[in-house]
């Protein structure tokens, strides 16, 4: 017999039925310990590998899921993807990670390829309406995204509360004229953060005007350049900054440092996401539980796959917390987590 064997051949060598071999390989059903050892010894000797394609045809399940991520180099997304893998692996699911680099056409291409490959479901970390308008048989879970024209399960953080915490922190530390620097795109996460921020200011009887909003692309250099432009034009009259991402907060900090404006004495800053960078830059930030976001998304998707359940229009909201550092408090240690 050649080295490549079938389940039937393993059964003949072990003196058991093919059904028993399948039970041992899948670790379900009833069989003796002696039978298990005998079958696994033969499997190891002949280096037997199950035919995943044939199995998926029999079960209509491939035990694979796709993850579409806009930027795998972004720590926020990378930690979520890692959490997804950590949840899926012990449950027998492989994860195909597709990095779209913020390119909608690339996202759409990946989406179609994943369907062709027969993935059982999709976790989606981007926000393209173009993609989610595609007809699909796949169950989909979105993380921190709320597509306007597609019914999916959504796992998100409490962004209204996060914005509220940021606004309350700045006002409680004495800020009277606060700049809001935000992503120019109208993603619901950003809109919710702004909503909570304005709510906090309103409760503290602080007025907030449209001229206090600076819309930019997300990026350290872009935020730095935007703040520098205000400074150069003598238009920076603010004693506080709320940035809807940590990248924007860090860019603002760099611009202020170059102009010798002291943080937090002259200007206080709050960011959002609590990625590693702001810990070392001592920037106060709103922490999203990235591990729990990934875990919850993977759990809901696998439940949908295995139980044929529909989670359409289901929204799971996770709590956030403010991590205070030196950018809003003079006496907080830079090693604060």
C-alpha atoms as a PDB file:
ATOM      1  CA  UNK A   1       0.000   0.000   0.000  1.00  0.00           C
ATOM      2  CA  UNK A   2       1.275   3.502  -0.890  1.00  0.00           C
ATOM      3  CA  UNK A   3       1.859   6.115   1.712  1.00  0.00           C
ATOM      4  CA  UNK A   4      -1.382   7.974   0.904  1.00  0.00           C
ATOM      5  CA  UNK A   5      -4.211   6.116   2.600  1.00  0.00           C
ATOM      6  CA  UNK A   6      -7.952   6.483   2.856  1.00  0.00           C
ATOM      7  CA  UNK A   7     -10.233   6.149   5.860  1.00  0.00           C
ATOM      8  CA  UNK A   8     -11.367   2.769   4.505  1.00  0.00           C
ATOM      9  CA  UNK A   9      -7.758   1.507   4.370  1.00  0.00           C
ATOM     10  CA  UNK A  10      -7.092   2.769   7.896  1.00  0.00           C
ATOM     11  CA  UNK A  11     -10.221   0.935   9.046  1.00  0.00           C
ATOM     12  CA  UNK A  12      -8.998  -2.320   7.458  1.00  0.00           C
ATOM     13  CA  UNK A  13      -5.570  -1.968   9.081  1.00  0.00           C
ATOM     14  CA  UNK A  14      -7.118  -1.246  12.486  1.00  0.00           C
ATOM     15  CA  UNK A  15      -9.795  -3.919  12.190  1.00  0.00           C
ATOM     16  CA  UNK A  16     -12.644  -1.469  12.750  1.00  0.00           C
ATOM     17  CA  UNK A  17     -15.317   0.170  10.625  1.00  0.00           C
ATOM     18  CA  UNK A  18     -14.824   3.335   8.598  1.00  0.00           C
ATOM     19  CA  UNK A  19     -17.441   4.976  10.823  1.00  0.00           C
ATOM     20  CA  UNK A  20     -15.313   4.238  13.902  1.00  0.00           C
ATOM     21  CA  UNK A  21     -12.237   5.764  12.247  1.00  0.00           C
ATOM     22  CA  UNK A  22     -14.265   8.910  11.501  1.00  0.00           C
ATOM     23  CA  UNK A  23     -15.405   9.076  15.116  1.00  0.00           C
ATOM     24  CA  UNK A  24     -11.814   8.852  16.351  1.00  0.00           C
ATOM     25  CA  UNK A  25     -10.577  11.500  13.898  1.00  0.00           C
ATOM     26  CA  UNK A  26     -13.401  13.878  14.815  1.00  0.00           C
ATOM     27  CA  UNK A  27     -13.233  12.954  18.516  1.00  0.00           C
ATOM     28  CA  UNK A  28     -16.951  12.316  18.842  1.00  0.00           C
ATOM     29  CA  UNK A  29     -19.108   9.264  19.383  1.00  0.00           C
ATOM     30  CA  UNK A  30     -18.267   6.135  21.357  1.00  0.00           C
ATOM     31  CA  UNK A  31     -15.077   4.092  20.991  1.00  0.00           C
ATOM     32  CA  UNK A  32     -12.594   2.432  23.341  1.00  0.00           C
ATOM     33  CA  UNK A  33      -9.242   3.865  24.337  1.00  0.00           C
ATOM     34  CA  UNK A  34      -7.502   0.897  22.693  1.00  0.00           C
ATOM     35  CA  UNK A  35      -9.334   1.610  19.442  1.00  0.00           C
ATOM     36  CA  UNK A  36      -8.380   5.285  19.608  1.00  0.00           C
ATOM     37  CA  UNK A  37      -4.686   4.472  20.118  1.00  0.00           C
ATOM     38  CA  UNK A  38      -4.694   1.867  17.344  1.00  0.00           C
ATOM     39  CA  UNK A  39      -6.316   4.203  14.827  1.00  0.00           C
ATOM     40  CA  UNK A  40      -4.134   7.195  15.703  1.00  0.00           C
ATOM     41  CA  UNK A  41      -0.977   5.057  15.466  1.00  0.00           C
ATOM     42  CA  UNK A  42      -1.876   4.096  11.906  1.00  0.00           C
ATOM     43  CA  UNK A  43      -2.805   7.688  11.090  1.00  0.00           C
ATOM     44  CA  UNK A  44       0.610   8.852  12.312  1.00  0.00           C
ATOM     45  CA  UNK A  45       2.488   6.007  10.574  1.00  0.00           C
ATOM     46  CA  UNK A  46       0.962   6.771   7.181  1.00  0.00           C
ATOM     47  CA  UNK A  47       0.798  10.548   7.757  1.00  0.00           C
ATOM     48  CA  UNK A  48      -2.907  10.593   6.957  1.00  0.00           C
ATOM     49  CA  UNK A  49      -4.386  14.025   6.224  1.00  0.00           C
ATOM     50  CA  UNK A  50      -8.164  14.483   5.975  1.00  0.00           C
ATOM     51  CA  UNK A  51      -9.405  15.800   2.644  1.00  0.00           C
ATOM     52  CA  UNK A  52     -10.856  19.151   3.672  1.00  0.00           C
ATOM     53  CA  UNK A  53     -12.499  19.730   0.306  1.00  0.00           C
ATOM     54  CA  UNK A  54     -14.289  16.381   0.355  1.00  0.00           C
ATOM     55  CA  UNK A  55     -15.369  16.944   3.944  1.00  0.00           C
ATOM     56  CA  UNK A  56     -16.752  20.395   3.149  1.00  0.00           C
ATOM     57  CA  UNK A  57     -18.774  18.889   0.296  1.00  0.00           C
ATOM     58  CA  UNK A  58     -20.259  16.315   2.678  1.00  0.00           C
ATOM     59  CA  UNK A  59     -20.991  18.722   5.502  1.00  0.00           C
ATOM     60  CA  UNK A  60     -21.567  21.944   3.525  1.00  0.00           C
ATOM     61  CA  UNK A  61     -19.065  23.528   5.924  1.00  0.00           C
ATOM     62  CA  UNK A  62     -15.464  24.443   5.191  1.00  0.00           C
ATOM     63  CA  UNK A  63     -14.549  25.369   8.808  1.00  0.00           C
ATOM     64  CA  UNK A  64     -13.003  28.564   7.480  1.00  0.00           C
ATOM     65  CA  UNK A  65     -13.983  32.206   7.898  1.00  0.00           C
ATOM     66  CA  UNK A  66     -12.802  35.340   6.150  1.00  0.00           C
ATOM     67  CA  UNK A  67     -11.719  38.542   7.870  1.00  0.00           C
ATOM     68  CA  UNK A  68     -11.631  41.748   5.843  1.00  0.00           C
ATOM     69  CA  UNK A  69      -9.442  44.374   7.507  1.00  0.00           C
ATOM     70  CA  UNK A  70      -8.650  47.863   6.136  1.00  0.00           C
ATOM     71  CA  UNK A  71      -5.102  48.142   7.518  1.00  0.00           C
ATOM     72  CA  UNK A  72      -3.405  45.193   9.218  1.00  0.00           C
ATOM     73  CA  UNK A  73      -0.486  47.454  10.246  1.00  0.00           C
ATOM     74  CA  UNK A  74      -2.863  49.465  12.448  1.00  0.00           C
ATOM     75  CA  UNK A  75      -2.494  48.132  15.984  1.00  0.00           C
ATOM     76  CA  UNK A  76      -6.210  48.555  16.697  1.00  0.00           C
ATOM     77  CA  UNK A  77      -7.181  46.222  13.852  1.00  0.00           C
ATOM     78  CA  UNK A  78      -4.243  43.863  14.392  1.00  0.00           C
ATOM     79  CA  UNK A  79      -5.247  43.181  18.006  1.00  0.00           C
ATOM     80  CA  UNK A  80      -8.832  42.491  16.973  1.00  0.00           C
ATOM     81  CA  UNK A  81      -7.697  40.069  14.261  1.00  0.00           C
ATOM     82  CA  UNK A  82      -5.440  38.274  16.751  1.00  0.00           C
ATOM     83  CA  UNK A  83      -8.382  37.895  19.139  1.00  0.00           C
ATOM     84  CA  UNK A  84     -10.473  36.449  16.303  1.00  0.00           C
ATOM     85  CA  UNK A  85      -7.779  33.885  15.511  1.00  0.00           C
ATOM     86  CA  UNK A  86      -7.346  32.980  19.174  1.00  0.00           C
ATOM     87  CA  UNK A  87     -11.078  32.302  19.470  1.00  0.00           C
ATOM     88  CA  UNK A  88     -11.461  30.402  16.196  1.00  0.00           C
ATOM     89  CA  UNK A  89      -8.391  28.147  16.317  1.00  0.00           C
ATOM     90  CA  UNK A  90      -9.360  25.929  19.296  1.00  0.00           C
ATOM     91  CA  UNK A  91     -12.828  25.551  17.756  1.00  0.00           C
ATOM     92  CA  UNK A  92     -11.410  24.120  14.562  1.00  0.00           C
ATOM     93  CA  UNK A  93     -11.844  27.168  12.326  1.00  0.00           C
ATOM     94  CA  UNK A  94      -9.144  28.552  10.068  1.00  0.00           C
ATOM     95  CA  UNK A  95      -9.054  32.293   9.387  1.00  0.00           C
ATOM     96  CA  UNK A  96      -8.316  33.911   6.018  1.00  0.00           C
ATOM     97  CA  UNK A  97      -7.114  37.476   6.640  1.00  0.00           C
ATOM     98  CA  UNK A  98      -7.492  39.908   3.732  1.00  0.00           C
ATOM     99  CA  UNK A  99      -5.907  43.346   4.036  1.00  0.00           C
ATOM    100  CA  UNK A 100      -7.672  45.815   1.741  1.00  0.00           C
ATOM    101  CA  UNK A 101      -5.356  48.787   2.401  1.00  0.00           C
ATOM    102  CA  UNK A 102      -8.470  51.020   2.530  1.00  0.00           C
ATOM    103  CA  UNK A 103      -9.198  50.174  -1.127  1.00  0.00           C
ATOM    104  CA  UNK A 104     -12.898  49.484  -1.788  1.00  0.00           C
ATOM    105  CA  UNK A 105     -12.235  47.733  -5.112  1.00  0.00           C
ATOM    106  CA  UNK A 106      -9.744  45.456  -3.403  1.00  0.00           C
ATOM    107  CA  UNK A 107     -12.270  44.745  -0.655  1.00  0.00           C
ATOM    108  CA  UNK A 108     -14.849  43.754  -3.234  1.00  0.00           C
ATOM    109  CA  UNK A 109     -12.359  41.485  -4.996  1.00  0.00           C
ATOM    110  CA  UNK A 110     -11.456  39.765  -1.719  1.00  0.00           C
ATOM    111  CA  UNK A 111     -15.122  39.395  -0.833  1.00  0.00           C
ATOM    112  CA  UNK A 112     -15.870  37.555  -4.080  1.00  0.00           C
ATOM    113  CA  UNK A 113     -12.757  35.388  -3.795  1.00  0.00           C
ATOM    114  CA  UNK A 114     -13.681  34.352  -0.254  1.00  0.00           C
ATOM    115  CA  UNK A 115     -17.119  33.295  -1.461  1.00  0.00           C
ATOM    116  CA  UNK A 116     -15.545  31.245  -4.250  1.00  0.00           C
ATOM    117  CA  UNK A 117     -13.199  29.589  -1.737  1.00  0.00           C
ATOM    118  CA  UNK A 118     -16.268  28.530   0.243  1.00  0.00           C
ATOM    119  CA  UNK A 119     -15.717  30.282   3.564  1.00  0.00           C
ATOM    120  CA  UNK A 120     -18.545  29.757   6.036  1.00  0.00           C
ATOM    121  CA  UNK A 121     -18.828  33.390   7.097  1.00  0.00           C
ATOM    122  CA  UNK A 122     -17.210  36.795   7.131  1.00  0.00           C
ATOM    123  CA  UNK A 123     -16.037  39.281   9.755  1.00  0.00           C
ATOM    124  CA  UNK A 124     -15.862  42.766   8.357  1.00  0.00           C
ATOM    125  CA  UNK A 125     -13.810  45.583   9.877  1.00  0.00           C
ATOM    126  CA  UNK A 126     -14.344  48.189   7.194  1.00  0.00           C
ATOM    127  CA  UNK A 127     -17.236  50.410   6.175  1.00  0.00           C
ATOM    128  CA  UNK A 128     -17.807  50.232   2.430  1.00  0.00           C
ATOM    129  CA  UNK A 129     -21.446  50.351   1.360  1.00  0.00           C
ATOM    130  CA  UNK A 130     -20.297  49.044  -2.008  1.00  0.00           C
ATOM    131  CA  UNK A 131     -19.205  45.751  -0.509  1.00  0.00           C
ATOM    132  CA  UNK A 132     -22.180  45.150   1.721  1.00  0.00           C
ATOM    133  CA  UNK A 133     -24.623  45.841  -1.081  1.00  0.00           C
ATOM    134  CA  UNK A 134     -23.427  42.628  -2.722  1.00  0.00           C
ATOM    135  CA  UNK A 135     -25.861  39.726  -2.521  1.00  0.00           C
ATOM    136  CA  UNK A 136     -24.370  36.909  -0.516  1.00  0.00           C
ATOM    137  CA  UNK A 137     -25.264  33.679   1.221  1.00  0.00           C
ATOM    138  CA  UNK A 138     -22.649  34.345   3.886  1.00  0.00           C
ATOM    139  CA  UNK A 139     -23.444  35.303   7.464  1.00  0.00           C
ATOM    140  CA  UNK A 140     -21.611  38.548   8.231  1.00  0.00           C
ATOM    141  CA  UNK A 141     -20.509  40.176  11.471  1.00  0.00           C
ATOM    142  CA  UNK A 142     -19.287  43.790  11.408  1.00  0.00           C
ATOM    143  CA  UNK A 143     -16.959  45.225  14.042  1.00  0.00           C
ATOM    144  CA  UNK A 144     -17.337  48.937  14.846  1.00  0.00           C
ATOM    145  CA  UNK A 145     -19.180  49.467  11.561  1.00  0.00           C
ATOM    146  CA  UNK A 146     -22.885  49.923  10.831  1.00  0.00           C
ATOM    147  CA  UNK A 147     -23.628  49.482   7.117  1.00  0.00           C
ATOM    148  CA  UNK A 148     -26.582  51.546   5.996  1.00  0.00           C
ATOM    149  CA  UNK A 149     -28.043  49.106   3.469  1.00  0.00           C
ATOM    150  CA  UNK A 150     -27.284  45.646   4.816  1.00  0.00           C
ATOM    151  CA  UNK A 151     -28.635  43.668   7.754  1.00  0.00           C
ATOM    152  CA  UNK A 152     -25.793  42.134   9.750  1.00  0.00           C
ATOM    153  CA  UNK A 153     -24.687  41.435  13.283  1.00  0.00           C
ATOM    154  CA  UNK A 154     -22.768  44.401  14.684  1.00  0.00           C
ATOM    155  CA  UNK A 155     -20.252  44.270  17.520  1.00  0.00           C
ATOM    156  CA  UNK A 156     -19.221  47.733  18.618  1.00  0.00           C
ATOM    157  CA  UNK A 157     -18.012  49.804  21.531  1.00  0.00           C
ATOM    158  CA  UNK A 158     -20.187  52.335  23.327  1.00  0.00           C
ATOM    159  CA  UNK A 159     -18.865  55.261  21.311  1.00  0.00           C
ATOM    160  CA  UNK A 160     -21.437  57.731  22.630  1.00  0.00           C
ATOM    161  CA  UNK A 161     -20.216  56.994  26.137  1.00  0.00           C
ATOM    162  CA  UNK A 162     -16.602  57.233  24.964  1.00  0.00           C
ATOM    163  CA  UNK A 163     -17.158  60.693  23.508  1.00  0.00           C
ATOM    164  CA  UNK A 164     -18.985  61.709  26.660  1.00  0.00           C
ATOM    165  CA  UNK A 165     -16.075  60.574  28.859  1.00  0.00           C
ATOM    166  CA  UNK A 166     -13.634  62.536  26.697  1.00  0.00           C
ATOM    167  CA  UNK A 167     -15.691  65.719  26.856  1.00  0.00           C
ATOM    168  CA  UNK A 168     -16.275  65.398  30.566  1.00  0.00           C
ATOM    169  CA  UNK A 169     -12.555  64.860  31.200  1.00  0.00           C
ATOM    170  CA  UNK A 170     -11.544  68.009  29.348  1.00  0.00           C
ATOM    171  CA  UNK A 171     -14.250  70.202  30.892  1.00  0.00           C
ATOM    172  CA  UNK A 172     -13.600  68.890  34.406  1.00  0.00           C
ATOM    173  CA  UNK A 173      -9.916  69.781  33.959  1.00  0.00           C
ATOM    174  CA  UNK A 174     -10.802  73.386  33.178  1.00  0.00           C
ATOM    175  CA  UNK A 175     -10.985  73.513  29.378  1.00  0.00           C
ATOM    176  CA  UNK A 176     -13.332  76.169  28.003  1.00  0.00           C
ATOM    177  CA  UNK A 177     -12.538  76.223  24.281  1.00  0.00           C
ATOM    178  CA  UNK A 178     -12.036  72.713  22.894  1.00  0.00           C
ATOM    179  CA  UNK A 179     -10.998  71.687  19.384  1.00  0.00           C
ATOM    180  CA  UNK A 180     -12.528  68.505  18.008  1.00  0.00           C
ATOM    181  CA  UNK A 181     -10.254  66.870  15.426  1.00  0.00           C
ATOM    182  CA  UNK A 182     -12.007  63.991  13.703  1.00  0.00           C
ATOM    183  CA  UNK A 183     -12.017  61.609  10.753  1.00  0.00           C
ATOM    184  CA  UNK A 184     -13.637  63.374   7.785  1.00  0.00           C
ATOM    185  CA  UNK A 185     -15.689  60.256   6.923  1.00  0.00           C
ATOM    186  CA  UNK A 186     -19.199  59.914   8.307  1.00  0.00           C
ATOM    187  CA  UNK A 187     -18.702  56.518   9.970  1.00  0.00           C
ATOM    188  CA  UNK A 188     -21.258  55.902  12.709  1.00  0.00           C
ATOM    189  CA  UNK A 189     -18.485  55.314  15.259  1.00  0.00           C
ATOM    190  CA  UNK A 190     -17.112  58.809  14.708  1.00  0.00           C
ATOM    191  CA  UNK A 191     -20.573  60.366  14.697  1.00  0.00           C
ATOM    192  CA  UNK A 192     -21.405  58.652  17.992  1.00  0.00           C
ATOM    193  CA  UNK A 193     -18.171  59.880  19.581  1.00  0.00           C
ATOM    194  CA  UNK A 194     -18.958  63.427  18.509  1.00  0.00           C
ATOM    195  CA  UNK A 195     -22.523  63.076  19.809  1.00  0.00           C
ATOM    196  CA  UNK A 196     -21.345  61.966  23.245  1.00  0.00           C
ATOM    197  CA  UNK A 197     -18.681  64.681  23.353  1.00  0.00           C
ATOM    198  CA  UNK A 198     -21.174  67.456  22.586  1.00  0.00           C
ATOM    199  CA  UNK A 199     -23.602  66.002  25.138  1.00  0.00           C
ATOM    200  CA  UNK A 200     -20.952  66.229  27.862  1.00  0.00           C
ATOM    201  CA  UNK A 201     -20.185  69.850  26.980  1.00  0.00           C
ATOM    202  CA  UNK A 202     -23.877  70.742  26.948  1.00  0.00           C
ATOM    203  CA  UNK A 203     -24.400  69.280  30.419  1.00  0.00           C
ATOM    204  CA  UNK A 204     -21.522  71.461  31.668  1.00  0.00           C
ATOM    205  CA  UNK A 205     -22.994  74.557  29.989  1.00  0.00           C
ATOM    206  CA  UNK A 206     -20.152  74.763  27.467  1.00  0.00           C
ATOM    207  CA  UNK A 207     -21.067  75.992  24.012  1.00  0.00           C
ATOM    208  CA  UNK A 208     -19.664  74.152  21.006  1.00  0.00           C
ATOM    209  CA  UNK A 209     -19.626  75.582  17.498  1.00  0.00           C
ATOM    210  CA  UNK A 210     -18.996  74.131  14.044  1.00  0.00           C
ATOM    211  CA  UNK A 211     -15.820  76.197  13.753  1.00  0.00           C
ATOM    212  CA  UNK A 212     -14.375  74.078  16.582  1.00  0.00           C
ATOM    213  CA  UNK A 213     -14.481  70.968  14.366  1.00  0.00           C
ATOM    214  CA  UNK A 214     -11.489  70.033  12.225  1.00  0.00           C
ATOM    215  CA  UNK A 215     -12.167  67.204   9.724  1.00  0.00           C
ATOM    216  CA  UNK A 216      -9.101  65.425   8.328  1.00  0.00           C
ATOM    217  CA  UNK A 217      -7.901  62.078   7.034  1.00  0.00           C
ATOM    218  CA  UNK A 218      -6.651  59.832   9.823  1.00  0.00           C
ATOM    219  CA  UNK A 219      -2.874  59.989  10.079  1.00  0.00           C
ATOM    220  CA  UNK A 220      -0.190  61.360  12.385  1.00  0.00           C
ATOM    221  CA  UNK A 221       1.409  63.663   9.816  1.00  0.00           C
ATOM    222  CA  UNK A 222      -1.962  64.880   8.535  1.00  0.00           C
ATOM    223  CA  UNK A 223      -3.099  65.814  12.048  1.00  0.00           C
ATOM    224  CA  UNK A 224       0.247  67.447  12.793  1.00  0.00           C
ATOM    225  CA  UNK A 225       0.072  69.525   9.608  1.00  0.00           C
ATOM    226  CA  UNK A 226      -3.530  70.545  10.317  1.00  0.00           C
ATOM    227  CA  UNK A 227      -2.674  71.834  13.801  1.00  0.00           C
ATOM    228  CA  UNK A 228       0.456  73.556  12.472  1.00  0.00           C
ATOM    229  CA  UNK A 229      -1.660  75.383   9.893  1.00  0.00           C
ATOM    230  CA  UNK A 230      -3.920  76.729  12.639  1.00  0.00           C
ATOM    231  CA  UNK A 231      -0.885  77.806  14.631  1.00  0.00           C
ATOM    232  CA  UNK A 232       0.752  79.483  11.622  1.00  0.00           C
ATOM    233  CA  UNK A 233      -2.417  81.422  10.892  1.00  0.00           C
ATOM    234  CA  UNK A 234      -2.795  82.418  14.532  1.00  0.00           C
ATOM    235  CA  UNK A 235      -6.109  80.529  14.596  1.00  0.00           C
ATOM    236  CA  UNK A 236      -5.276  78.132  17.421  1.00  0.00           C
ATOM    237  CA  UNK A 237      -7.093  79.567  20.442  1.00  0.00           C
ATOM    238  CA  UNK A 238      -7.901  76.287  22.165  1.00  0.00           C
ATOM    239  CA  UNK A 239      -7.084  74.972  25.628  1.00  0.00           C
ATOM    240  CA  UNK A 240      -8.245  71.433  24.914  1.00  0.00           C
ATOM    241  CA  UNK A 241      -8.284  68.888  22.078  1.00  0.00           C
ATOM    242  CA  UNK A 242     -10.463  65.820  21.654  1.00  0.00           C
ATOM    243  CA  UNK A 243      -9.221  63.602  18.827  1.00  0.00           C
ATOM    244  CA  UNK A 244     -11.500  60.790  17.650  1.00  0.00           C
ATOM    245  CA  UNK A 245      -8.484  58.496  17.109  1.00  0.00           C
ATOM    246  CA  UNK A 246      -5.142  58.204  18.873  1.00  0.00           C
ATOM    247  CA  UNK A 247      -3.290  58.812  15.598  1.00  0.00           C
ATOM    248  CA  UNK A 248      -4.882  62.255  15.395  1.00  0.00           C
ATOM    249  CA  UNK A 249      -4.156  62.923  19.066  1.00  0.00           C
ATOM    250  CA  UNK A 250      -0.477  62.061  18.648  1.00  0.00           C
ATOM    251  CA  UNK A 251      -0.134  64.257  15.559  1.00  0.00           C
ATOM    252  CA  UNK A 252      -1.657  67.163  17.482  1.00  0.00           C
ATOM    253  CA  UNK A 253       0.749  66.559  20.371  1.00  0.00           C
ATOM    254  CA  UNK A 254       3.760  66.677  18.035  1.00  0.00           C
ATOM    255  CA  UNK A 255       2.634  69.984  16.545  1.00  0.00           C
ATOM    256  CA  UNK A 256       2.109  71.538  19.969  1.00  0.00           C
ATOM    257  CA  UNK A 257       5.482  70.305  21.224  1.00  0.00           C
ATOM    258  CA  UNK A 258       7.293  71.855  18.262  1.00  0.00           C
ATOM    259  CA  UNK A 259       5.686  75.214  19.059  1.00  0.00           C
ATOM    260  CA  UNK A 260       6.697  74.884  22.706  1.00  0.00           C
ATOM    261  CA  UNK A 261       3.081  74.784  23.876  1.00  0.00           C
ATOM    262  CA  UNK A 262       2.966  72.794  27.078  1.00  0.00           C
ATOM    263  CA  UNK A 263       0.691  69.758  27.485  1.00  0.00           C
ATOM    264  CA  UNK A 264      -1.283  69.730  29.730  1.00  0.00           C
ATOM    265  CA  UNK A 265      -0.503  73.209  31.133  1.00  0.00           C
ATOM    266  CA  UNK A 266      -1.450  75.105  27.956  1.00  0.00           C
ATOM    267  CA  UNK A 267      -3.487  72.499  26.086  1.00  0.00           C
ATOM    268  CA  UNK A 268      -5.012  69.236  27.283  1.00  0.00           C
ATOM    269  CA  UNK A 269      -5.509  66.284  24.914  1.00  0.00           C
ATOM    270  CA  UNK A 270      -7.756  63.209  24.891  1.00  0.00           C
ATOM    271  CA  UNK A 271      -7.452  60.544  22.191  1.00  0.00           C
ATOM    272  CA  UNK A 272      -9.483  57.456  21.347  1.00  0.00           C
ATOM    273  CA  UNK A 273      -8.653  53.698  21.082  1.00  0.00           C
ATOM    274  CA  UNK A 274      -5.846  53.475  23.664  1.00  0.00           C
ATOM    275  CA  UNK A 275      -3.229  51.907  21.403  1.00  0.00           C
ATOM    276  CA  UNK A 276       0.313  51.349  22.687  1.00  0.00           C
ATOM    277  CA  UNK A 277       1.667  54.567  21.190  1.00  0.00           C
ATOM    278  CA  UNK A 278      -0.375  56.824  23.470  1.00  0.00           C
ATOM    279  CA  UNK A 279       0.767  54.964  26.551  1.00  0.00           C
ATOM    280  CA  UNK A 280       4.359  55.947  25.824  1.00  0.00           C
ATOM    281  CA  UNK A 281       3.350  59.448  24.723  1.00  0.00           C
ATOM    282  CA  UNK A 282       1.360  59.826  27.970  1.00  0.00           C
ATOM    283  CA  UNK A 283      -1.863  60.781  26.164  1.00  0.00           C
ATOM    284  CA  UNK A 284      -5.175  60.289  27.943  1.00  0.00           C
ATOM    285  CA  UNK A 285      -7.346  58.028  25.795  1.00  0.00           C
ATOM    286  CA  UNK A 286     -10.645  56.178  25.633  1.00  0.00           C
ATOM    287  CA  UNK A 287      -9.951  52.458  25.794  1.00  0.00           C
ATOM    288  CA  UNK A 288     -11.834  50.073  23.550  1.00  0.00           C
ATOM    289  CA  UNK A 289     -11.575  46.411  24.554  1.00  0.00           C
ATOM    290  CA  UNK A 290     -10.031  45.183  21.320  1.00  0.00           C
ATOM    291  CA  UNK A 291      -9.718  41.579  22.467  1.00  0.00           C
ATOM    292  CA  UNK A 292     -13.382  41.402  23.453  1.00  0.00           C
ATOM    293  CA  UNK A 293     -14.474  43.011  20.175  1.00  0.00           C
ATOM    294  CA  UNK A 294     -12.710  40.259  18.229  1.00  0.00           C
ATOM    295  CA  UNK A 295     -13.860  37.477  20.540  1.00  0.00           C
ATOM    296  CA  UNK A 296     -17.508  38.525  20.493  1.00  0.00           C
ATOM    297  CA  UNK A 297     -17.522  38.871  16.709  1.00  0.00           C
ATOM    298  CA  UNK A 298     -15.986  35.427  16.214  1.00  0.00           C
ATOM    299  CA  UNK A 299     -18.363  33.867  18.737  1.00  0.00           C
ATOM    300  CA  UNK A 300     -21.456  35.312  17.058  1.00  0.00           C
ATOM    301  CA  UNK A 301     -20.278  34.305  13.603  1.00  0.00           C
ATOM    302  CA  UNK A 302     -19.526  30.713  14.618  1.00  0.00           C
ATOM    303  CA  UNK A 303     -22.886  30.469  16.383  1.00  0.00           C
ATOM    304  CA  UNK A 304     -24.567  31.673  13.217  1.00  0.00           C
ATOM    305  CA  UNK A 305     -22.651  29.158  11.101  1.00  0.00           C
ATOM    306  CA  UNK A 306     -23.170  26.127  13.335  1.00  0.00           C
ATOM    307  CA  UNK A 307     -26.731  26.772  14.453  1.00  0.00           C
ATOM    308  CA  UNK A 308     -27.991  28.332  11.227  1.00  0.00           C
ATOM    309  CA  UNK A 309     -29.224  31.247  13.295  1.00  0.00           C
ATOM    310  CA  UNK A 310     -29.869  34.717  11.979  1.00  0.00           C
ATOM    311  CA  UNK A 311     -28.463  37.674  13.917  1.00  0.00           C
ATOM    312  CA  UNK A 312     -29.675  40.295  11.469  1.00  0.00           C
ATOM    313  CA  UNK A 313     -30.053  43.739  13.008  1.00  0.00           C
ATOM    314  CA  UNK A 314     -28.431  42.469  16.194  1.00  0.00           C
ATOM    315  CA  UNK A 315     -26.158  45.012  17.886  1.00  0.00           C
ATOM    316  CA  UNK A 316     -23.783  44.086  20.708  1.00  0.00           C
ATOM    317  CA  UNK A 317     -22.383  47.130  22.520  1.00  0.00           C
ATOM    318  CA  UNK A 318     -19.301  46.809  24.714  1.00  0.00           C
ATOM    319  CA  UNK A 319     -18.297  49.265  27.463  1.00  0.00           C
ATOM    320  CA  UNK A 320     -15.383  51.705  27.194  1.00  0.00           C
ATOM    321  CA  UNK A 321     -13.258  53.444  29.817  1.00  0.00           C
ATOM    322  CA  UNK A 322     -11.111  56.552  30.070  1.00  0.00           C
ATOM    323  CA  UNK A 323      -7.418  55.946  30.779  1.00  0.00           C
ATOM    324  CA  UNK A 324      -6.012  59.127  32.304  1.00  0.00           C
ATOM    325  CA  UNK A 325      -2.415  60.108  31.582  1.00  0.00           C
ATOM    326  CA  UNK A 326      -0.265  63.236  31.664  1.00  0.00           C
ATOM    327  CA  UNK A 327      -1.940  64.973  28.711  1.00  0.00           C
ATOM    328  CA  UNK A 328      -4.844  65.895  31.012  1.00  0.00           C
ATOM    329  CA  UNK A 329      -3.333  65.501  34.485  1.00  0.00           C
ATOM    330  CA  UNK A 330      -0.046  66.889  35.729  1.00  0.00           C
ATOM    331  CA  UNK A 331       0.511  64.287  38.416  1.00  0.00           C
ATOM    332  CA  UNK A 332      -0.227  61.089  36.497  1.00  0.00           C
ATOM    333  CA  UNK A 333       2.794  58.831  35.960  1.00  0.00           C
ATOM    334  CA  UNK A 334       3.912  58.305  32.351  1.00  0.00           C
ATOM    335  CA  UNK A 335       3.921  54.555  33.006  1.00  0.00           C
ATOM    336  CA  UNK A 336       0.154  54.609  33.554  1.00  0.00           C
ATOM    337  CA  UNK A 337      -1.573  51.947  31.492  1.00  0.00           C
END
